[in-house]
All heavy atoms as atom14 arrays in JSON, in Angstrom:
{
  "sequence": "QLAIRKKLFLNINNVFDKNLFDELFKKINFDTFNVISSFVSVNS",
  "atom14_mask": [
    [1, 1, 1, 1, 1, 1, 1, 1, 1, 0, 0, 0, 0, 0],
    [1, 1, 1, 1, 1, 1, 1, 1, 0, 0, 0, 0, 0, 0],
    [1, 1, 1, 1, 1, 0, 0, 0, 0, 0, 0, 0, 0, 0],
    [1, 1, 1, 1, 1, 1, 1, 1, 0, 0, 0, 0, 0, 0],
    [1, 1, 1, 1, 1, 1, 1, 1, 1, 1, 1, 0, 0, 0],
    [1, 1, 1, 1, 1, 1, 1, 1, 1, 0, 0, 0, 0, 0],
    [1, 1, 1, 1, 1, 1, 1, 1, 1, 0, 0, 0, 0, 0],
    [1, 1, 1, 1, 1, 1, 1, 1, 0, 0, 0, 0, 0, 0],
    [1, 1, 1, 1, 1, 1, 1, 1, 1, 1, 1, 0, 0, 0],
    [1, 1, 1, 1, 1, 1, 1, 1, 0, 0, 0, 0, 0, 0],
    [1, 1, 1, 1, 1, 1, 1, 1, 0, 0, 0, 0, 0, 0],
    [1, 1, 1, 1, 1, 1, 1, 1, 0, 0, 0, 0, 0, 0],
    [1, 1, 1, 1, 1, 1, 1, 1, 0, 0, 0, 0, 0, 0],
    [1, 1, 1, 1, 1, 1, 1, 1, 0, 0, 0, 0, 0, 0],
    [1, 1, 1, 1, 1, 1, 1, 0, 0, 0, 0, 0, 0, 0],
    [1, 1, 1, 1, 1, 1, 1, 1, 1, 1, 1, 0, 0, 0],
    [1, 1, 1, 1, 1, 1, 1, 1, 0, 0, 0, 0, 0, 0],
    [1, 1, 1, 1, 1, 1, 1, 1, 1, 0, 0, 0, 0, 0],
    [1, 1, 1, 1, 1, 1, 1, 1, 0, 0, 0, 0, 0, 0],
    [1, 1, 1, 1, 1, 1, 1, 1, 0, 0, 0, 0, 0, 0],
    [1, 1, 1, 1, 1, 1, 1, 1, 1, 1, 1, 0, 0, 0],
    [1, 1, 1, 1, 1, 1, 1, 1, 0, 0, 0, 0, 0, 0],
    [1, 1, 1, 1, 1, 1, 1, 1, 1, 0, 0, 0, 0, 0],
    [1, 1, 1, 1, 1, 1, 1, 1, 0, 0, 0, 0, 0, 0],
    [1, 1, 1, 1, 1, 1, 1, 1, 1, 1, 1, 0, 0, 0],
    [1, 1, 1, 1, 1, 1, 1, 1, 1, 0, 0, 0, 0, 0],
    [1, 1, 1, 1, 1, 1, 1, 1, 1, 0, 0, 0, 0, 0],
    [1, 1, 1, 1, 1, 1, 1, 1, 0, 0, 0, 0, 0, 0],
    [1, 1, 1, 1, 1, 1, 1, 1, 0, 0, 0, 0, 0, 0],
    [1, 1, 1, 1, 1, 1, 1, 1, 1, 1, 1, 0, 0, 0],
    [1, 1, 1, 1, 1, 1, 1, 1, 0, 0, 0, 0, 0, 0],
    [1, 1, 1, 1, 1, 1, 1, 0, 0, 0, 0, 0, 0, 0],
    [1, 1, 1, 1, 1, 1, 1, 1, 1, 1, 1, 0, 0, 0],
    [1, 1, 1, 1, 1, 1, 1, 1, 0, 0, 0, 0, 0, 0],
    [1, 1, 1, 1, 1, 1, 1, 0, 0, 0, 0, 0, 0, 0],
    [1, 1, 1, 1, 1, 1, 1, 1, 0, 0, 0, 0, 0, 0],
    [1, 1, 1, 1, 1, 1, 0, 0, 0, 0, 0, 0, 0, 0],
    [1, 1, 1, 1, 1, 1, 0, 0, 0, 0, 0, 0, 0, 0],
    [1, 1, 1, 1, 1, 1, 1, 1, 1, 1, 1, 0, 0, 0],
    [1, 1, 1, 1, 1, 1, 1, 0, 0, 0, 0, 0, 0, 0],
    [1, 1, 1, 1, 1, 1, 0, 0, 0, 0, 0, 0, 0, 0],
    [1, 1, 1, 1, 1, 1, 1, 0, 0, 0, 0, 0, 0, 0],
    [1, 1, 1, 1, 1, 1, 1, 1, 0, 0, 0, 0, 0, 0],
    [1, 1, 1, 1, 1, 1, 0, 0, 0, 0, 0, 0, 0, 0]
  ],
  "atom14_positions": [
    [[24.74, 6.42, 160.47], [25.17, 7.29, 161.55], [24.86, 8.77, 161.25], [24.59, 9.53, 162.16], [26.68, 7.11, 161.8], [27.01, 5.79, 162.5], [26.24, 5.54, 163.78], [25.58, 4.53, 163.95], [26.34, 6.48, 164.71], [0.0, 0.0, 0.0], [0.0, 0.0, 0.0], [0.0, 0.0, 0.0], [0.0, 0.0, 0.0], [0.0, 0.0, 0.0]],
    [[24.88, 9.17, 159.99], [24.5, 10.54, 159.65], [23.04, 10.79, 160.04], [22.73, 11.83, 160.61], [24.68, 10.79, 158.14], [26.0, 11.43, 157.72], [26.13, 11.45, 156.22], [26.13, 12.83, 158.27], [0.0, 0.0, 0.0], [0.0, 0.0, 0.0], [0.0, 0.0, 0.0], [0.0, 0.0, 0.0], [0.0, 0.0, 0.0], [0.0, 0.0, 0.0]],
    [[22.17, 9.8, 159.76], [20.76, 9.96, 160.11], [20.59, 10.01, 161.62], [19.83, 10.84, 162.13], [19.97, 8.78, 159.51], [0.0, 0.0, 0.0], [0.0, 0.0, 0.0], [0.0, 0.0, 0.0], [0.0, 0.0, 0.0], [0.0, 0.0, 0.0], [0.0, 0.0, 0.0], [0.0, 0.0, 0.0], [0.0, 0.0, 0.0], [0.0, 0.0, 0.0]],
    [[21.31, 9.18, 162.35], [21.24, 9.2, 163.81], [21.74, 10.53, 164.34], [21.11, 11.13, 165.22], [22.05, 8.02, 164.4], [21.35, 6.7, 164.13], [22.33, 8.2, 165.91], [22.18, 5.44, 164.42], [0.0, 0.0, 0.0], [0.0, 0.0, 0.0], [0.0, 0.0, 0.0], [0.0, 0.0, 0.0], [0.0, 0.0, 0.0], [0.0, 0.0, 0.0]],
    [[22.89, 11.0, 163.82], [23.45, 12.25, 164.34], [22.51, 13.44, 164.06], [22.39, 14.33, 164.89], [24.83, 12.49, 163.74], [25.57, 13.63, 164.46], [26.95, 13.82, 163.95], [26.9, 14.42, 162.61], [27.96, 14.63, 161.86], [29.16, 14.28, 162.27], [27.85, 15.18, 160.66], [0.0, 0.0, 0.0], [0.0, 0.0, 0.0], [0.0, 0.0, 0.0]],
    [[21.86, 13.45, 162.92], [20.93, 14.53, 162.6], [19.81, 14.61, 163.63], [19.42, 15.69, 164.09], [20.34, 14.36, 161.21], [21.28, 14.79, 160.1], [20.67, 14.58, 158.75], [21.7, 14.89, 157.67], [21.22, 14.57, 156.31], [0.0, 0.0, 0.0], [0.0, 0.0, 0.0], [0.0, 0.0, 0.0], [0.0, 0.0, 0.0], [0.0, 0.0, 0.0]],
    [[19.28, 13.45, 164.03], [18.21, 13.4, 165.07], [18.76, 13.91, 166.38], [18.08, 14.67, 167.09], [17.67, 11.98, 165.21], [16.79, 11.55, 164.06], [16.29, 10.14, 164.27], [15.54, 9.66, 163.05], [15.18, 8.25, 163.16], [0.0, 0.0, 0.0], [0.0, 0.0, 0.0], [0.0, 0.0, 0.0], [0.0, 0.0, 0.0], [0.0, 0.0, 0.0]],
    [[19.96, 13.47, 166.75], [20.55, 13.91, 168.0], [20.77, 15.42, 168.02], [20.48, 16.09, 169.0], [21.88, 13.19, 168.25], [21.77, 11.68, 168.47], [23.15, 11.03, 168.41], [21.09, 11.37, 169.78], [0.0, 0.0, 0.0], [0.0, 0.0, 0.0], [0.0, 0.0, 0.0], [0.0, 0.0, 0.0], [0.0, 0.0, 0.0], [0.0, 0.0, 0.0]],
    [[21.27, 15.92, 166.91], [21.52, 17.36, 166.77], [20.26, 18.19, 166.97], [20.28, 19.23, 167.62], [22.12, 17.63, 165.38], [22.39, 19.09, 165.09], [23.51, 19.7, 165.6], [21.5, 19.85, 164.33], [23.77, 21.04, 165.36], [21.76, 21.17, 164.07], [22.9, 21.78, 164.59], [0.0, 0.0, 0.0], [0.0, 0.0, 0.0], [0.0, 0.0, 0.0]],
    [[19.13, 17.68, 166.47], [17.87, 18.4, 166.57], [17.26, 18.29, 167.99], [16.5, 19.16, 168.39], [16.87, 17.87, 165.57], [17.24, 18.14, 164.09], [16.28, 17.43, 163.17], [17.22, 19.66, 163.82], [0.0, 0.0, 0.0], [0.0, 0.0, 0.0], [0.0, 0.0, 0.0], [0.0, 0.0, 0.0], [0.0, 0.0, 0.0], [0.0, 0.0, 0.0]],
    [[17.62, 17.23, 168.72], [16.95, 16.98, 170.02], [17.77, 17.29, 171.26], [17.24, 17.29, 172.34], [16.47, 15.52, 170.04], [15.36, 15.28, 169.03], [14.45, 16.05, 168.93], [15.49, 14.19, 168.28], [0.0, 0.0, 0.0], [0.0, 0.0, 0.0], [0.0, 0.0, 0.0], [0.0, 0.0, 0.0], [0.0, 0.0, 0.0], [0.0, 0.0, 0.0]],
    [[19.08, 17.48, 171.11], [19.91, 17.73, 172.28], [20.44, 19.17, 172.19], [21.18, 19.51, 171.29], [21.11, 16.74, 172.35], [20.58, 15.31, 172.44], [21.99, 17.06, 173.54], [21.66, 14.23, 172.38], [0.0, 0.0, 0.0], [0.0, 0.0, 0.0], [0.0, 0.0, 0.0], [0.0, 0.0, 0.0], [0.0, 0.0, 0.0], [0.0, 0.0, 0.0]],
    [[20.06, 19.98, 173.15], [20.41, 21.39, 173.1], [21.69, 21.7, 173.87], [22.54, 22.42, 173.4], [19.27, 22.23, 173.67], [18.05, 22.17, 172.8], [18.16, 22.12, 171.59], [16.88, 22.15, 173.41], [0.0, 0.0, 0.0], [0.0, 0.0, 0.0], [0.0, 0.0, 0.0], [0.0, 0.0, 0.0], [0.0, 0.0, 0.0], [0.0, 0.0, 0.0]],
    [[21.82, 21.18, 175.06], [22.95, 21.52, 175.91], [24.04, 20.45, 175.82], [24.0, 19.47, 176.54], [22.48, 21.7, 177.37], [23.54, 22.33, 178.21], [24.51, 22.89, 177.71], [23.36, 22.28, 179.52], [0.0, 0.0, 0.0], [0.0, 0.0, 0.0], [0.0, 0.0, 0.0], [0.0, 0.0, 0.0], [0.0, 0.0, 0.0], [0.0, 0.0, 0.0]],
    [[25.01, 20.69, 174.93], [26.03, 19.64, 174.73], [27.31, 19.88, 175.51], [28.05, 18.95, 175.76], [26.38, 19.5, 173.23], [25.2, 19.0, 172.43], [26.93, 20.78, 172.63], [0.0, 0.0, 0.0], [0.0, 0.0, 0.0], [0.0, 0.0, 0.0], [0.0, 0.0, 0.0], [0.0, 0.0, 0.0], [0.0, 0.0, 0.0], [0.0, 0.0, 0.0]],
    [[27.57, 21.11, 175.88], [28.84, 21.42, 176.56], [28.64, 21.36, 178.07], [27.9, 22.15, 178.64], [29.35, 22.82, 176.15], [30.66, 23.16, 176.77], [31.86, 22.66, 176.24], [30.73, 23.96, 177.9], [33.07, 23.0, 176.84], [31.95, 24.29, 178.49], [33.14, 23.79, 177.94], [0.0, 0.0, 0.0], [0.0, 0.0, 0.0], [0.0, 0.0, 0.0]],
    [[29.34, 20.43, 178.7], [29.3, 20.29, 180.15], [30.68, 20.67, 180.69], [31.63, 19.89, 180.6], [28.93, 18.86, 180.55], [28.77, 18.68, 182.04], [29.41, 19.4, 182.81], [28.04, 17.76, 182.44], [0.0, 0.0, 0.0], [0.0, 0.0, 0.0], [0.0, 0.0, 0.0], [0.0, 0.0, 0.0], [0.0, 0.0, 0.0], [0.0, 0.0, 0.0]],
    [[30.79, 21.87, 181.23], [32.06, 22.39, 181.74], [32.69, 21.43, 182.75], [33.9, 21.21, 182.74], [31.84, 23.77, 182.35], [33.08, 24.39, 182.93], [32.74, 25.74, 183.6], [33.89, 26.32, 184.35], [34.36, 25.54, 185.47], [0.0, 0.0, 0.0], [0.0, 0.0, 0.0], [0.0, 0.0, 0.0], [0.0, 0.0, 0.0], [0.0, 0.0, 0.0]],
    [[31.89, 20.83, 183.62], [32.42, 19.91, 184.63], [33.05, 18.67, 184.0], [34.1, 18.21, 184.47], [31.31, 19.48, 185.59], [30.81, 20.64, 186.43], [31.57, 21.56, 186.76], [29.54, 20.63, 186.77], [0.0, 0.0, 0.0], [0.0, 0.0, 0.0], [0.0, 0.0, 0.0], [0.0, 0.0, 0.0], [0.0, 0.0, 0.0], [0.0, 0.0, 0.0]],
    [[32.46, 18.17, 182.93], [33.07, 17.02, 182.24], [34.4, 17.41, 181.6], [35.39, 16.66, 181.66], [32.14, 16.5, 181.15], [31.09, 15.48, 181.55], [30.22, 15.09, 180.36], [31.72, 14.25, 182.17], [0.0, 0.0, 0.0], [0.0, 0.0, 0.0], [0.0, 0.0, 0.0], [0.0, 0.0, 0.0], [0.0, 0.0, 0.0], [0.0, 0.0, 0.0]],
    [[34.43, 18.59, 181.0], [35.7, 19.03, 180.4], [36.76, 19.28, 181.47], [37.93, 18.95, 181.27], [35.5, 20.25, 179.49], [35.02, 19.88, 178.13], [33.68, 19.8, 177.83], [35.94, 19.51, 177.14], [33.23, 19.42, 176.59], [35.52, 19.12, 175.89], [34.17, 19.08, 175.61], [0.0, 0.0, 0.0], [0.0, 0.0, 0.0], [0.0, 0.0, 0.0]],
    [[36.38, 19.82, 182.59], [37.32, 19.99, 183.69], [37.87, 18.67, 184.17], [39.08, 18.53, 184.45], [36.68, 20.76, 184.86], [36.5, 22.24, 184.57], [37.13, 22.76, 183.63], [35.7, 22.89, 185.28], [0.0, 0.0, 0.0], [0.0, 0.0, 0.0], [0.0, 0.0, 0.0], [0.0, 0.0, 0.0], [0.0, 0.0, 0.0], [0.0, 0.0, 0.0]],
    [[36.99, 17.66, 184.23], [37.42, 16.32, 184.61], [38.42, 15.74, 183.6], [39.43, 15.18, 183.97], [36.19, 15.41, 184.73], [36.5, 14.02, 185.22], [35.26, 13.15, 185.25], [34.13, 13.68, 185.49], [35.38, 11.91, 185.06], [0.0, 0.0, 0.0], [0.0, 0.0, 0.0], [0.0, 0.0, 0.0], [0.0, 0.0, 0.0], [0.0, 0.0, 0.0]],
    [[38.1, 15.91, 182.32], [38.99, 15.44, 181.27], [40.33, 16.19, 181.35], [41.38, 15.57, 181.26], [38.37, 15.65, 179.88], [39.3, 15.34, 178.71], [39.62, 13.85, 178.6], [38.7, 15.83, 177.39], [0.0, 0.0, 0.0], [0.0, 0.0, 0.0], [0.0, 0.0, 0.0], [0.0, 0.0, 0.0], [0.0, 0.0, 0.0], [0.0, 0.0, 0.0]],
    [[40.27, 17.5, 181.49], [41.5, 18.31, 181.57], [42.39, 17.9, 182.72], [43.61, 17.87, 182.6], [41.16, 19.79, 181.62], [40.55, 20.35, 180.34], [40.02, 21.63, 180.32], [40.49, 19.6, 179.15], [39.47, 22.16, 179.16], [39.95, 20.12, 177.99], [39.41, 21.38, 177.99], [0.0, 0.0, 0.0], [0.0, 0.0, 0.0], [0.0, 0.0, 0.0]],
    [[41.77, 17.58, 183.82], [42.54, 17.12, 184.98], [43.2, 15.75, 184.68], [44.37, 15.53, 184.97], [41.63, 17.0, 186.21], [42.34, 16.69, 187.5], [41.39, 16.72, 188.66], [42.13, 16.42, 189.94], [41.24, 16.37, 191.11], [0.0, 0.0, 0.0], [0.0, 0.0, 0.0], [0.0, 0.0, 0.0], [0.0, 0.0, 0.0], [0.0, 0.0, 0.0]],
    [[42.42, 14.89, 184.05], [42.89, 13.54, 183.73], [44.1, 13.55, 182.79], [45.04, 12.76, 182.93], [41.73, 12.75, 183.09], [42.02, 11.28, 182.84], [40.79, 10.61, 182.18], [39.68, 10.54, 183.2], [39.06, 9.2, 183.3], [0.0, 0.0, 0.0], [0.0, 0.0, 0.0], [0.0, 0.0, 0.0], [0.0, 0.0, 0.0], [0.0, 0.0, 0.0]],
    [[44.09, 14.49, 181.82], [45.16, 14.52, 180.83], [46.25, 15.55, 181.16], [47.18, 15.74, 180.39], [44.62, 14.78, 179.4], [43.96, 16.15, 179.29], [43.7, 13.67, 178.97], [43.5, 16.52, 177.89], [0.0, 0.0, 0.0], [0.0, 0.0, 0.0], [0.0, 0.0, 0.0], [0.0, 0.0, 0.0], [0.0, 0.0, 0.0], [0.0, 0.0, 0.0]],
    [[46.1, 16.19, 182.34], [47.07, 17.2, 182.77], [47.13, 18.36, 181.75], [48.21, 18.77, 181.28], [48.43, 16.57, 183.0], [49.28, 17.35, 183.96], [48.81, 18.33, 184.56], [50.49, 16.96, 184.13], [0.0, 0.0, 0.0], [0.0, 0.0, 0.0], [0.0, 0.0, 0.0], [0.0, 0.0, 0.0], [0.0, 0.0, 0.0], [0.0, 0.0, 0.0]],
    [[45.98, 18.89, 181.43], [45.76, 19.9, 180.41], [46.67, 21.14, 180.58], [47.11, 21.74, 179.6], [44.29, 20.35, 180.42], [43.86, 21.23, 179.32], [43.66, 20.74, 178.03], [43.59, 22.57, 179.54], [43.24, 21.55, 177.01], [43.16, 23.4, 178.52], [42.99, 22.9, 177.25], [0.0, 0.0, 0.0], [0.0, 0.0, 0.0], [0.0, 0.0, 0.0]],
    [[46.96, 21.49, 181.81], [47.78, 22.69, 182.07], [49.16, 22.6, 181.48], [49.81, 23.62, 181.25], [47.89, 22.94, 183.58], [46.57, 23.4, 184.19], [45.7, 23.87, 183.43], [46.41, 23.3, 185.42], [0.0, 0.0, 0.0], [0.0, 0.0, 0.0], [0.0, 0.0, 0.0], [0.0, 0.0, 0.0], [0.0, 0.0, 0.0], [0.0, 0.0, 0.0]],
    [[49.64, 21.38, 181.19], [51.0, 21.22, 180.66], [51.05, 21.33, 179.13], [52.12, 21.27, 178.53], [51.59, 19.86, 181.09], [50.79, 18.81, 180.5], [51.64, 19.7, 182.57], [0.0, 0.0, 0.0], [0.0, 0.0, 0.0], [0.0, 0.0, 0.0], [0.0, 0.0, 0.0], [0.0, 0.0, 0.0], [0.0, 0.0, 0.0], [0.0, 0.0, 0.0]],
    [[49.9, 21.52, 178.5], [49.85, 21.63, 177.04], [49.52, 23.07, 176.63], [48.86, 23.79, 177.36], [48.75, 20.69, 176.47], [49.01, 19.24, 176.73], [48.44, 18.61, 177.8], [49.86, 18.53, 175.91], [48.67, 17.26, 178.05], [50.12, 17.18, 176.15], [49.52, 16.56, 177.23], [0.0, 0.0, 0.0], [0.0, 0.0, 0.0], [0.0, 0.0, 0.0]],
    [[50.03, 23.47, 175.46], [49.81, 24.83, 175.01], [49.0, 24.96, 173.74], [48.22, 25.87, 173.6], [51.17, 25.53, 174.78], [51.91, 25.75, 176.07], [51.34, 26.21, 177.05], [53.2, 25.42, 176.09], [0.0, 0.0, 0.0], [0.0, 0.0, 0.0], [0.0, 0.0, 0.0], [0.0, 0.0, 0.0], [0.0, 0.0, 0.0], [0.0, 0.0, 0.0]],
    [[49.22, 24.04, 172.78], [48.59, 24.16, 171.48], [47.49, 23.08, 171.33], [47.78, 21.88, 171.37], [49.62, 24.01, 170.33], [48.94, 24.17, 168.97], [50.71, 25.04, 170.48], [0.0, 0.0, 0.0], [0.0, 0.0, 0.0], [0.0, 0.0, 0.0], [0.0, 0.0, 0.0], [0.0, 0.0, 0.0], [0.0, 0.0, 0.0], [0.0, 0.0, 0.0]],
    [[46.27, 23.55, 171.2], [45.12, 22.66, 171.16], [44.4, 22.86, 169.84], [44.12, 24.0, 169.44], [44.13, 22.96, 172.29], [44.84, 23.2, 173.65], [43.03, 21.9, 172.39], [45.64, 22.07, 174.18], [0.0, 0.0, 0.0], [0.0, 0.0, 0.0], [0.0, 0.0, 0.0], [0.0, 0.0, 0.0], [0.0, 0.0, 0.0], [0.0, 0.0, 0.0]],
    [[44.07, 21.76, 169.16], [43.28, 21.89, 167.94], [41.84, 21.46, 168.23], [41.59, 20.57, 169.01], [43.85, 21.07, 166.78], [43.47, 19.72, 166.86], [0.0, 0.0, 0.0], [0.0, 0.0, 0.0], [0.0, 0.0, 0.0], [0.0, 0.0, 0.0], [0.0, 0.0, 0.0], [0.0, 0.0, 0.0], [0.0, 0.0, 0.0], [0.0, 0.0, 0.0]],
    [[40.94, 22.15, 167.59], [39.52, 21.8, 167.65], [39.01, 21.91, 166.23], [39.8, 21.86, 165.28], [38.8, 22.75, 168.62], [37.45, 22.39, 168.74], [0.0, 0.0, 0.0], [0.0, 0.0, 0.0], [0.0, 0.0, 0.0], [0.0, 0.0, 0.0], [0.0, 0.0, 0.0], [0.0, 0.0, 0.0], [0.0, 0.0, 0.0], [0.0, 0.0, 0.0]],
    [[37.72, 22.1, 166.08], [37.13, 22.24, 164.74], [35.92, 23.13, 164.86], [35.38, 23.34, 165.94], [36.79, 20.87, 164.15], [35.84, 20.05, 164.99], [34.49, 19.99, 164.72], [36.32, 19.29, 166.05], [33.63, 19.22, 165.51], [35.45, 18.52, 166.86], [34.12, 18.49, 166.56], [0.0, 0.0, 0.0], [0.0, 0.0, 0.0], [0.0, 0.0, 0.0]],
    [[35.51, 23.7, 163.73], [34.28, 24.46, 163.67], [33.22, 23.49, 163.2], [33.31, 22.97, 162.09], [34.42, 25.67, 162.72], [33.1, 26.38, 162.55], [35.49, 26.61, 163.19], [0.0, 0.0, 0.0], [0.0, 0.0, 0.0], [0.0, 0.0, 0.0], [0.0, 0.0, 0.0], [0.0, 0.0, 0.0], [0.0, 0.0, 0.0], [0.0, 0.0, 0.0]],
    [[32.24, 23.24, 164.04], [31.22, 22.24, 163.72], [30.41, 22.66, 162.51], [30.12, 23.84, 162.32], [30.33, 21.98, 164.92], [29.94, 23.19, 165.53], [0.0, 0.0, 0.0], [0.0, 0.0, 0.0], [0.0, 0.0, 0.0], [0.0, 0.0, 0.0], [0.0, 0.0, 0.0], [0.0, 0.0, 0.0], [0.0, 0.0, 0.0], [0.0, 0.0, 0.0]],
    [[30.11, 21.7, 161.67], [29.3, 21.9, 160.47], [28.12, 20.91, 160.5], [28.19, 19.86, 161.11], [30.1, 21.74, 159.18], [31.19, 22.8, 159.06], [30.69, 20.36, 159.03], [0.0, 0.0, 0.0], [0.0, 0.0, 0.0], [0.0, 0.0, 0.0], [0.0, 0.0, 0.0], [0.0, 0.0, 0.0], [0.0, 0.0, 0.0], [0.0, 0.0, 0.0]],
    [[27.08, 21.3, 159.8], [25.9, 20.47, 159.62], [25.39, 19.98, 161.0], [25.1, 20.76, 161.88], [26.18, 19.32, 158.66], [26.63, 19.84, 157.31], [26.09, 20.82, 156.82], [27.62, 19.22, 156.73], [0.0, 0.0, 0.0], [0.0, 0.0, 0.0], [0.0, 0.0, 0.0], [0.0, 0.0, 0.0], [0.0, 0.0, 0.0], [0.0, 0.0, 0.0]],
    [[25.36, 18.66, 161.21], [24.8, 18.13, 162.45], [25.9, 17.72, 163.45], [25.59, 16.99, 164.41], [23.9, 16.92, 162.14], [24.65, 15.89, 161.5], [0.0, 0.0, 0.0], [0.0, 0.0, 0.0], [0.0, 0.0, 0.0], [0.0, 0.0, 0.0], [0.0, 0.0, 0.0], [0.0, 0.0, 0.0], [0.0, 0.0, 0.0], [0.0, 0.0, 0.0]]
  ]
}
């Protein structure tokens, strides 16, 4: 999977789709949550 992800990382430029995140946020009722954790991406 590391090898697969490295190839994907090199070949896919536009990963953030605002519309998809808006759909997810609506599905999970995002407005009712305050504290969100994410991560700082490393390597691939």
